Amino acid sequence: MTKAIHQNEYRQIAEKLKIARTEIGFTQKEVAEKINKPQSYISKAESAEQRIDIIELKQFAKLYKKTINFFL
Protein backbone atom coordinates (compact mmCIF):
# COMPACT_ATOMS: atom_id res chain seq x y z
CA MET A 1 0.00 0.00 0.00
CA THR A 2 1.41 3.35 -1.06
CA LYS A 3 1.38 6.09 1.53
CA ALA A 4 0.09 9.44 0.29
CA ILE A 5 2.51 12.30 0.79
CA HIS A 6 -0.23 14.80 1.59
CA GLN A 7 -2.75 15.61 4.26
CA ASN A 8 -6.43 14.83 4.01
CA GLU A 9 -7.08 18.23 2.41
CA TYR A 10 -4.79 17.37 -0.47
CA ARG A 11 -6.57 14.07 -0.98
CA GLN A 12 -9.77 16.04 -1.43
CA ILE A 13 -8.11 18.16 -4.13
CA ALA A 14 -6.81 15.01 -5.82
CA GLU A 15 -10.32 13.53 -5.82
CA LYS A 16 -11.67 16.74 -7.36
CA LEU A 17 -9.06 16.43 -10.13
CA LYS A 18 -10.43 13.00 -10.99
CA ILE A 19 -14.05 14.17 -10.80
CA ALA A 20 -13.37 17.15 -13.07
CA ARG A 21 -11.52 14.97 -15.60
CA THR A 22 -14.30 12.41 -15.80
CA GLU A 23 -17.00 15.08 -15.99
CA ILE A 24 -15.38 16.54 -19.09
CA GLY A 25 -14.87 13.07 -20.56
CA PHE A 26 -11.08 12.94 -20.81
CA THR A 27 -8.91 9.92 -20.15
CA GLN A 28 -5.74 10.31 -18.12
CA LYS A 29 -3.77 9.81 -21.33
CA GLU A 30 -5.63 12.63 -23.10
CA VAL A 31 -5.02 15.01 -20.21
CA ALA A 32 -1.36 14.05 -20.09
CA GLU A 33 -0.96 14.83 -23.78
CA LYS A 34 -2.72 18.18 -23.41
CA ILE A 35 -0.53 19.35 -20.54
CA ASN A 36 2.63 17.68 -21.80
CA LYS A 37 3.15 15.29 -18.88
CA PRO A 38 3.33 11.50 -18.69
CA GLN A 39 0.10 9.61 -17.97
CA SER A 40 1.64 8.37 -14.73
CA TYR A 41 1.81 11.99 -13.54
CA ILE A 42 -1.97 12.35 -13.92
CA SER A 43 -2.56 9.04 -12.17
CA LYS A 44 -0.34 10.00 -9.25
CA ALA A 45 -1.87 13.49 -9.00
CA GLU A 46 -5.34 11.94 -8.81
CA SER A 47 -4.28 9.50 -6.11
CA ALA A 48 -2.47 12.14 -4.02
CA GLU A 49 0.94 10.59 -4.66
CA GLN A 50 2.19 13.50 -6.79
CA ARG A 51 2.45 17.11 -5.69
CA ILE A 52 1.02 19.71 -7.99
CA ASP A 53 1.79 23.37 -7.66
CA ILE A 54 -0.55 26.30 -8.17
CA ILE A 55 0.51 26.80 -11.80
CA GLU A 56 -0.29 23.17 -12.58
CA LEU A 57 -3.62 23.47 -10.75
CA LYS A 58 -4.36 26.49 -12.91
CA GLN A 59 -3.64 24.38 -16.03
CA PHE A 60 -5.99 21.66 -14.84
CA ALA A 61 -8.70 24.21 -14.04
CA LYS A 62 -8.47 25.75 -17.49
CA LEU A 63 -8.46 22.38 -19.24
CA TYR A 64 -11.41 21.11 -17.19
CA LYS A 65 -13.30 24.43 -17.48
CA LYS A 66 -13.45 24.84 -13.71
CA THR A 67 -12.40 27.59 -11.34
CA ILE A 68 -9.52 26.98 -8.98
CA ASN A 69 -12.06 27.29 -6.18
CA PHE A 70 -13.71 24.09 -7.41
CA PHE A 71 -10.58 22.19 -6.38
CA LEU A 72 -10.20 23.98 -3.06
PDB file of N, CA and C in Angstrom:
ATOM      1  N   MET A   1       0.834  -1.179   0.000  1.00  0.00           N
ATOM      2  CA  MET A   1       0.000   0.000   0.000  1.00  0.00           C
ATOM      3  C   MET A   1       0.878   1.241   0.000  1.00  0.00           C
ATOM      4  N   THR A   2       0.619   2.134  -0.943  1.00  0.00           N
ATOM      5  CA  THR A   2       1.409   3.350  -1.056  1.00  0.00           C
ATOM      6  C   THR A   2       0.873   4.399  -0.096  1.00  0.00           C
ATOM      7  N   LYS A   3       1.774   5.052   0.592  1.00  0.00           N
ATOM      8  CA  LYS A   3       1.385   6.086   1.527  1.00  0.00           C
ATOM      9  C   LYS A   3       1.329   7.421   0.794  1.00  0.00           C
ATOM     10  N   ALA A   4       0.217   8.128   0.912  1.00  0.00           N
ATOM     11  CA  ALA A   4       0.086   9.439   0.292  1.00  0.00           C
ATOM     12  C   ALA A   4       1.023  10.415   0.999  1.00  0.00           C
ATOM     13  N   ILE A   5       1.548  11.351   0.224  1.00  0.00           N
ATOM     14  CA  ILE A   5       2.511  12.302   0.787  1.00  0.00           C
ATOM     15  C   ILE A   5       1.826  13.570   1.274  1.00  0.00           C
ATOM     16  N   HIS A   6       0.504  13.585   1.271  1.00  0.00           N
ATOM     17  CA  HIS A   6      -0.229  14.798   1.590  1.00  0.00           C
ATOM     18  C   HIS A   6      -1.271  14.558   2.673  1.00  0.00           C
ATOM     19  N   GLN A   7      -1.715  15.651   3.251  1.00  0.00           N
ATOM     20  CA  GLN A   7      -2.752  15.609   4.259  1.00  0.00           C
ATOM     21  C   GLN A   7      -4.107  15.316   3.619  1.00  0.00           C
ATOM     22  N   ASN A   8      -5.081  15.130   4.463  1.00  0.00           N
ATOM     23  CA  ASN A   8      -6.429  14.829   4.010  1.00  0.00           C
ATOM     24  C   ASN A   8      -6.960  15.895   3.047  1.00  0.00           C
ATOM     25  N   GLU A   9      -6.625  17.162   3.289  1.00  0.00           N
ATOM     26  CA  GLU A   9      -7.083  18.233   2.413  1.00  0.00           C
ATOM     27  C   GLU A   9      -6.566  18.043   0.990  1.00  0.00           C
ATOM     28  N   TYR A  10      -5.334  17.589   0.864  1.00  0.00           N
ATOM     29  CA  TYR A  10      -4.788  17.372  -0.466  1.00  0.00           C
ATOM     30  C   TYR A  10      -5.485  16.201  -1.150  1.00  0.00           C
ATOM     31  N   ARG A  11      -5.831  15.208  -0.399  1.00  0.00           N
ATOM     32  CA  ARG A  11      -6.567  14.071  -0.981  1.00  0.00           C
ATOM     33  C   ARG A  11      -7.890  14.526  -1.565  1.00  0.00           C
ATOM     34  N   GLN A  12      -8.515  15.494  -0.917  1.00  0.00           N
ATOM     35  CA  GLN A  12      -9.771  16.042  -1.435  1.00  0.00           C
ATOM     36  C   GLN A  12      -9.540  16.762  -2.764  1.00  0.00           C
ATOM     37  N   ILE A  13      -8.447  17.487  -2.866  1.00  0.00           N
ATOM     38  CA  ILE A  13      -8.108  18.157  -4.133  1.00  0.00           C
ATOM     39  C   ILE A  13      -7.853  17.110  -5.213  1.00  0.00           C
ATOM     40  N   ALA A  14      -7.121  16.066  -4.861  1.00  0.00           N
ATOM     41  CA  ALA A  14      -6.814  15.007  -5.823  1.00  0.00           C
ATOM     42  C   ALA A  14      -8.099  14.352  -6.328  1.00  0.00           C
ATOM     43  N   GLU A  15      -9.038  14.124  -5.426  1.00  0.00           N
ATOM     44  CA  GLU A  15     -10.319  13.530  -5.820  1.00  0.00           C
ATOM     45  C   GLU A  15     -11.073  14.468  -6.761  1.00  0.00           C
ATOM     46  N   LYS A  16     -11.005  15.770  -6.489  1.00  0.00           N
ATOM     47  CA  LYS A  16     -11.667  16.744  -7.359  1.00  0.00           C
ATOM     48  C   LYS A  16     -11.032  16.751  -8.749  1.00  0.00           C
ATOM     49  N   LEU A  17      -9.719  16.523  -8.821  1.00  0.00           N
ATOM     50  CA  LEU A  17      -9.063  16.427 -10.127  1.00  0.00           C
ATOM     51  C   LEU A  17      -9.675  15.291 -10.940  1.00  0.00           C
ATOM     52  N   LYS A  18      -9.865  14.165 -10.299  1.00  0.00           N
ATOM     53  CA  LYS A  18     -10.434  13.001 -10.987  1.00  0.00           C
ATOM     54  C   LYS A  18     -11.885  13.270 -11.401  1.00  0.00           C
ATOM     55  N   ILE A  19     -12.652  13.851 -10.501  1.00  0.00           N
ATOM     56  CA  ILE A  19     -14.052  14.169 -10.800  1.00  0.00           C
ATOM     57  C   ILE A  19     -14.139  15.105 -12.002  1.00  0.00           C
ATOM     58  N   ALA A  20     -13.335  16.163 -11.986  1.00  0.00           N
ATOM     59  CA  ALA A  20     -13.367  17.146 -13.070  1.00  0.00           C
ATOM     60  C   ALA A  20     -12.970  16.512 -14.399  1.00  0.00           C
ATOM     61  N   ARG A  21     -11.970  15.638 -14.369  1.00  0.00           N
ATOM     62  CA  ARG A  21     -11.522  14.974 -15.600  1.00  0.00           C
ATOM     63  C   ARG A  21     -12.624  14.091 -16.167  1.00  0.00           C
ATOM     64  N   THR A  22     -13.265  13.319 -15.306  1.00  0.00           N
ATOM     65  CA  THR A  22     -14.301  12.412 -15.800  1.00  0.00           C
ATOM     66  C   THR A  22     -15.545  13.172 -16.249  1.00  0.00           C
ATOM     67  N   GLU A  23     -15.846  14.280 -15.575  1.00  0.00           N
ATOM     68  CA  GLU A  23     -17.003  15.083 -15.988  1.00  0.00           C
ATOM     69  C   GLU A  23     -16.842  15.623 -17.408  1.00  0.00           C
ATOM     70  N   ILE A  24     -15.617  15.988 -17.757  1.00  0.00           N
ATOM     71  CA  ILE A  24     -15.382  16.545 -19.087  1.00  0.00           C
ATOM     72  C   ILE A  24     -15.151  15.449 -20.125  1.00  0.00           C
ATOM     73  N   GLY A  25     -14.969  14.206 -19.648  1.00  0.00           N
ATOM     74  CA  GLY A  25     -14.872  13.073 -20.557  1.00  0.00           C
ATOM     75  C   GLY A  25     -13.486  12.768 -21.094  1.00  0.00           C
ATOM     76  N   PHE A  26     -12.450  13.212 -20.393  1.00  0.00           N
ATOM     77  CA  PHE A  26     -11.079  12.938 -20.813  1.00  0.00           C
ATOM     78  C   PHE A  26     -10.532  11.709 -20.106  1.00  0.00           C
ATOM     79  N   THR A  27      -9.671  10.988 -20.797  1.00  0.00           N
ATOM     80  CA  THR A  27      -8.913   9.922 -20.151  1.00  0.00           C
ATOM     81  C   THR A  27      -7.662  10.552 -19.544  1.00  0.00           C
ATOM     82  N   GLN A  28      -6.999   9.809 -18.679  1.00  0.00           N
ATOM     83  CA  GLN A  28      -5.741  10.307 -18.125  1.00  0.00           C
ATOM     84  C   GLN A  28      -4.727  10.553 -19.239  1.00  0.00           C
ATOM     85  N   LYS A  29      -4.712   9.674 -20.223  1.00  0.00           N
ATOM     86  CA  LYS A  29      -3.770   9.813 -21.331  1.00  0.00           C
ATOM     87  C   LYS A  29      -4.033  11.097 -22.111  1.00  0.00           C
ATOM     88  N   GLU A  30      -5.298  11.405 -22.370  1.00  0.00           N
ATOM     89  CA  GLU A  30      -5.628  12.628 -23.104  1.00  0.00           C
ATOM     90  C   GLU A  30      -5.195  13.872 -22.339  1.00  0.00           C
ATOM     91  N   VAL A  31      -5.432  13.864 -21.036  1.00  0.00           N
ATOM     92  CA  VAL A  31      -5.021  15.007 -20.212  1.00  0.00           C
ATOM     93  C   VAL A  31      -3.507  15.144 -20.234  1.00  0.00           C
ATOM     94  N   ALA A  32      -2.815  14.037 -20.082  1.00  0.00           N
ATOM     95  CA  ALA A  32      -1.356  14.052 -20.086  1.00  0.00           C
ATOM     96  C   ALA A  32      -0.817  14.661 -21.374  1.00  0.00           C
ATOM     97  N   GLU A  33      -1.392  14.288 -22.484  1.00  0.00           N
ATOM     98  CA  GLU A  33      -0.957  14.833 -23.775  1.00  0.00           C
ATOM     99  C   GLU A  33      -1.213  16.329 -23.858  1.00  0.00           C
ATOM    100  N   LYS A  34      -2.348  16.768 -23.335  1.00  0.00           N
ATOM    101  CA  LYS A  34      -2.717  18.177 -23.413  1.00  0.00           C
ATOM    102  C   LYS A  34      -1.840  19.066 -22.535  1.00  0.00           C
ATOM    103  N   ILE A  35      -1.383  18.533 -21.407  1.00  0.00           N
ATOM    104  CA  ILE A  35      -0.534  19.349 -20.537  1.00  0.00           C
ATOM    105  C   ILE A  35       0.946  18.941 -20.602  1.00  0.00           C
ATOM    106  N   ASN A  36       1.244  18.066 -21.543  1.00  0.00           N
ATOM    107  CA  ASN A  36       2.635  17.681 -21.798  1.00  0.00           C
ATOM    108  C   ASN A  36       3.321  17.027 -20.590  1.00  0.00           C
ATOM    109  N   LYS A  37       2.619  16.070 -20.004  1.00  0.00           N
ATOM    110  CA  LYS A  37       3.149  15.291 -18.878  1.00  0.00           C
ATOM    111  C   LYS A  37       2.898  13.817 -19.172  1.00  0.00           C
ATOM    112  N   PRO A  38       3.618  12.918 -18.513  1.00  0.00           N
ATOM    113  CA  PRO A  38       3.330  11.495 -18.695  1.00  0.00           C
ATOM    114  C   PRO A  38       2.001  11.111 -18.036  1.00  0.00           C
ATOM    115  N   GLN A  39       1.374  10.071 -18.536  1.00  0.00           N
ATOM    116  CA  GLN A  39       0.100   9.606 -17.972  1.00  0.00           C
ATOM    117  C   GLN A  39       0.264   9.250 -16.503  1.00  0.00           C
ATOM    118  N   SER A  40       1.408   8.740 -16.135  1.00  0.00           N
ATOM    119  CA  SER A  40       1.638   8.368 -14.732  1.00  0.00           C
ATOM    120  C   SER A  40       1.557   9.586 -13.813  1.00  0.00           C
ATOM    121  N   TYR A  41       1.910  10.748 -14.318  1.00  0.00           N
ATOM    122  CA  TYR A  41       1.812  11.994 -13.539  1.00  0.00           C
ATOM    123  C   TYR A  41       0.348  12.266 -13.179  1.00  0.00           C
ATOM    124  N   ILE A  42      -0.551  12.107 -14.150  1.00  0.00           N
ATOM    125  CA  ILE A  42      -1.973  12.347 -13.921  1.00  0.00           C
ATOM    126  C   ILE A  42      -2.508  11.340 -12.904  1.00  0.00           C
ATOM    127  N   SER A  43      -2.136  10.080 -13.088  1.00  0.00           N
ATOM    128  CA  SER A  43      -2.562   9.037 -12.172  1.00  0.00           C
ATOM    129  C   SER A  43      -2.112   9.337 -10.745  1.00  0.00           C
ATOM    130  N   LYS A  44      -0.866   9.707 -10.585  1.00  0.00           N
ATOM    131  CA  LYS A  44      -0.337  10.002  -9.250  1.00  0.00           C
ATOM    132  C   LYS A  44      -0.951  11.265  -8.663  1.00  0.00           C
ATOM    133  N   ALA A  45      -1.222  12.263  -9.488  1.00  0.00           N
ATOM    134  CA  ALA A  45      -1.873  13.487  -8.998  1.00  0.00           C
ATOM    135  C   ALA A  45      -3.272  13.169  -8.492  1.00  0.00           C
ATOM    136  N   GLU A  46      -3.975  12.302  -9.197  1.00  0.00           N
ATOM    137  CA  GLU A  46      -5.339  11.941  -8.814  1.00  0.00           C
ATOM    138  C   GLU A  46      -5.404  11.008  -7.611  1.00  0.00           C
ATOM    139  N   SER A  47      -4.303  10.384  -7.273  1.00  0.00           N
ATOM    140  CA  SER A  47      -4.283   9.499  -6.109  1.00  0.00           C
ATOM    141  C   SER A  47      -3.490  10.104  -4.948  1.00  0.00           C
ATOM    142  N   ALA A  48      -3.184  11.392  -5.057  1.00  0.00           N
ATOM    143  CA  ALA A  48      -2.466  12.144  -4.017  1.00  0.00           C
ATOM    144  C   ALA A  48      -1.060  11.618  -3.756  1.00  0.00           C
ATOM    145  N   GLU A  49      -0.442  11.037  -4.774  1.00  0.00           N
ATOM    146  CA  GLU A  49       0.939  10.586  -4.661  1.00  0.00           C
ATOM    147  C   GLU A  49       1.906  11.572  -5.309  1.00  0.00           C
ATOM    148  N   GLN A  50       1.381  12.532  -6.047  1.00  0.00           N
ATOM    149  CA  GLN A  50       2.193  13.503  -6.789  1.00  0.00           C
ATOM    150  C   GLN A  50       1.782  14.904  -6.372  1.00  0.00           C
ATOM    151  N   ARG A  51       2.741  15.706  -5.989  1.00  0.00           N
ATOM    152  CA  ARG A  51       2.453  17.105  -5.686  1.00  0.00           C
ATOM    153  C   ARG A  51       2.167  17.858  -6.972  1.00  0.00           C
ATOM    154  N   ILE A  52       1.221  18.782  -6.884  1.00  0.00           N
ATOM    155  CA  ILE A  52       1.019  19.707  -7.994  1.00  0.00           C
ATOM    156  C   ILE A  52       1.088  21.109  -7.424  1.00  0.00           C
ATOM    157  N   ASP A  53       1.698  22.004  -8.154  1.00  0.00           N
ATOM    158  CA  ASP A  53       1.795  23.370  -7.663  1.00  0.00           C
ATOM    159  C   ASP A  53       0.636  24.204  -8.207  1.00  0.00           C
ATOM    160  N   ILE A  54       0.573  25.444  -7.808  1.00  0.00           N
ATOM    161  CA  ILE A  54      -0.547  26.304  -8.171  1.00  0.00           C
ATOM    162  C   ILE A  54      -0.620  26.534  -9.681  1.00  0.00           C
ATOM    163  N   ILE A  55       0.496  26.606 -10.342  1.00  0.00           N
ATOM    164  CA  ILE A  55       0.512  26.797 -11.796  1.00  0.00           C
ATOM    165  C   ILE A  55      -0.086  25.572 -12.487  1.00  0.00           C
ATOM    166  N   GLU A  56       0.269  24.398 -12.010  1.00  0.00           N
ATOM    167  CA  GLU A  56      -0.295  23.168 -12.576  1.00  0.00           C
ATOM    168  C   GLU A  56      -1.795  23.079 -12.282  1.00  0.00           C
ATOM    169  N   LEU A  57      -2.195  23.477 -11.079  1.00  0.00           N
ATOM    170  CA  LEU A  57      -3.615  23.471 -10.750  1.00  0.00           C
ATOM    171  C   LEU A  57      -4.371  24.420 -11.680  1.00  0.00           C
ATOM    172  N   LYS A  58      -3.766  25.529 -11.985  1.00  0.00           N
ATOM    173  CA  LYS A  58      -4.361  26.487 -12.912  1.00  0.00           C
ATOM    174  C   LYS A  58      -4.534  25.857 -14.299  1.00  0.00           C
ATOM    175  N   GLN A  59      -3.542  25.082 -14.750  1.00  0.00           N
ATOM    176  CA  GLN A  59      -3.636  24.379 -16.035  1.00  0.00           C
ATOM    177  C   GLN A  59      -4.795  23.382 -16.027  1.00  0.00           C
ATOM    178  N   PHE A  60      -4.893  22.618 -14.946  1.00  0.00           N
ATOM    179  CA  PHE A  60      -5.989  21.658 -14.837  1.00  0.00           C
ATOM    180  C   PHE A  60      -7.334  22.382 -14.864  1.00  0.00           C
ATOM    181  N   ALA A  61      -7.447  23.456 -14.101  1.00  0.00           N
ATOM    182  CA  ALA A  61      -8.703  24.205 -14.036  1.00  0.00           C
ATOM    183  C   ALA A  61      -9.115  24.708 -15.412  1.00  0.00           C
ATOM    184  N   LYS A  62      -8.171  25.245 -16.150  1.00  0.00           N
ATOM    185  CA  LYS A  62      -8.470  25.753 -17.487  1.00  0.00           C
ATOM    186  C   LYS A  62      -8.898  24.611 -18.405  1.00  0.00           C
ATOM    187  N   LEU A  63      -8.157  23.520 -18.387  1.00  0.00           N
ATOM    188  CA  LEU A  63      -8.463  22.378 -19.235  1.00  0.00           C
ATOM    189  C   LEU A  63      -9.837  21.787 -18.909  1.00  0.00           C
ATOM    190  N   TYR A  64     -10.164  21.720 -17.624  1.00  0.00           N
ATOM    191  CA  TYR A  64     -11.415  21.113 -17.187  1.00  0.00           C
ATOM    192  C   TYR A  64     -12.575  22.113 -17.139  1.00  0.00           C
ATOM    193  N   LYS A  65     -12.278  23.363 -17.484  1.00  0.00           N
ATOM    194  CA  LYS A  65     -13.303  24.431 -17.479  1.00  0.00           C
ATOM    195  C   LYS A  65     -13.929  24.594 -16.096  1.00  0.00           C
ATOM    196  N   LYS A  66     -13.055  24.652 -15.108  1.00  0.00           N
ATOM    197  CA  LYS A  66     -13.450  24.836 -13.710  1.00  0.00           C
ATOM    198  C   LYS A  66     -12.666  26.017 -13.144  1.00  0.00           C
ATOM    199  N   THR A  67     -13.175  26.575 -12.054  1.00  0.00           N
ATOM    200  CA  THR A  67     -12.396  27.595 -11.344  1.00  0.00           C
ATOM    201  C   THR A  67     -11.449  26.883 -10.389  1.00  0.00           C
ATOM    202  N   ILE A  68     -10.426  27.561  -9.968  1.00  0.00           N
ATOM    203  CA  ILE A  68      -9.517  26.982  -8.975  1.00  0.00           C
ATOM    204  C   ILE A  68     -10.283  26.690  -7.692  1.00  0.00           C
ATOM    205  N   ASN A  69     -11.259  27.513  -7.395  1.00  0.00           N
ATOM    206  CA  ASN A  69     -12.057  27.286  -6.179  1.00  0.00           C
ATOM    207  C   ASN A  69     -12.759  25.939  -6.183  1.00  0.00           C
ATOM    208  N   PHE A  70     -13.090  25.415  -7.342  1.00  0.00           N
ATOM    209  CA  PHE A  70     -13.709  24.089  -7.413  1.00  0.00           C
ATOM    210  C   PHE A  70     -12.821  23.050  -6.735  1.00  0.00           C
ATOM    211  N   PHE A  71     -11.518  23.173  -6.924  1.00  0.00           N
ATOM    212  CA  PHE A  71     -10.580  22.192  -6.381  1.00  0.00           C
ATOM    213  C   PHE A  71     -10.287  22.421  -4.906  1.00  0.00           C
ATOM    214  N   LEU A  72     -10.498  23.646  -4.446  1.00  0.00           N
ATOM    215  CA  LEU A  72     -10.200  23.977  -3.058  1.00  0.00           C
ATOM    216  C   LEU A  72     -11.421  23.833  -2.184  1.00  0.00           C
TER     217      LEU A  72
END
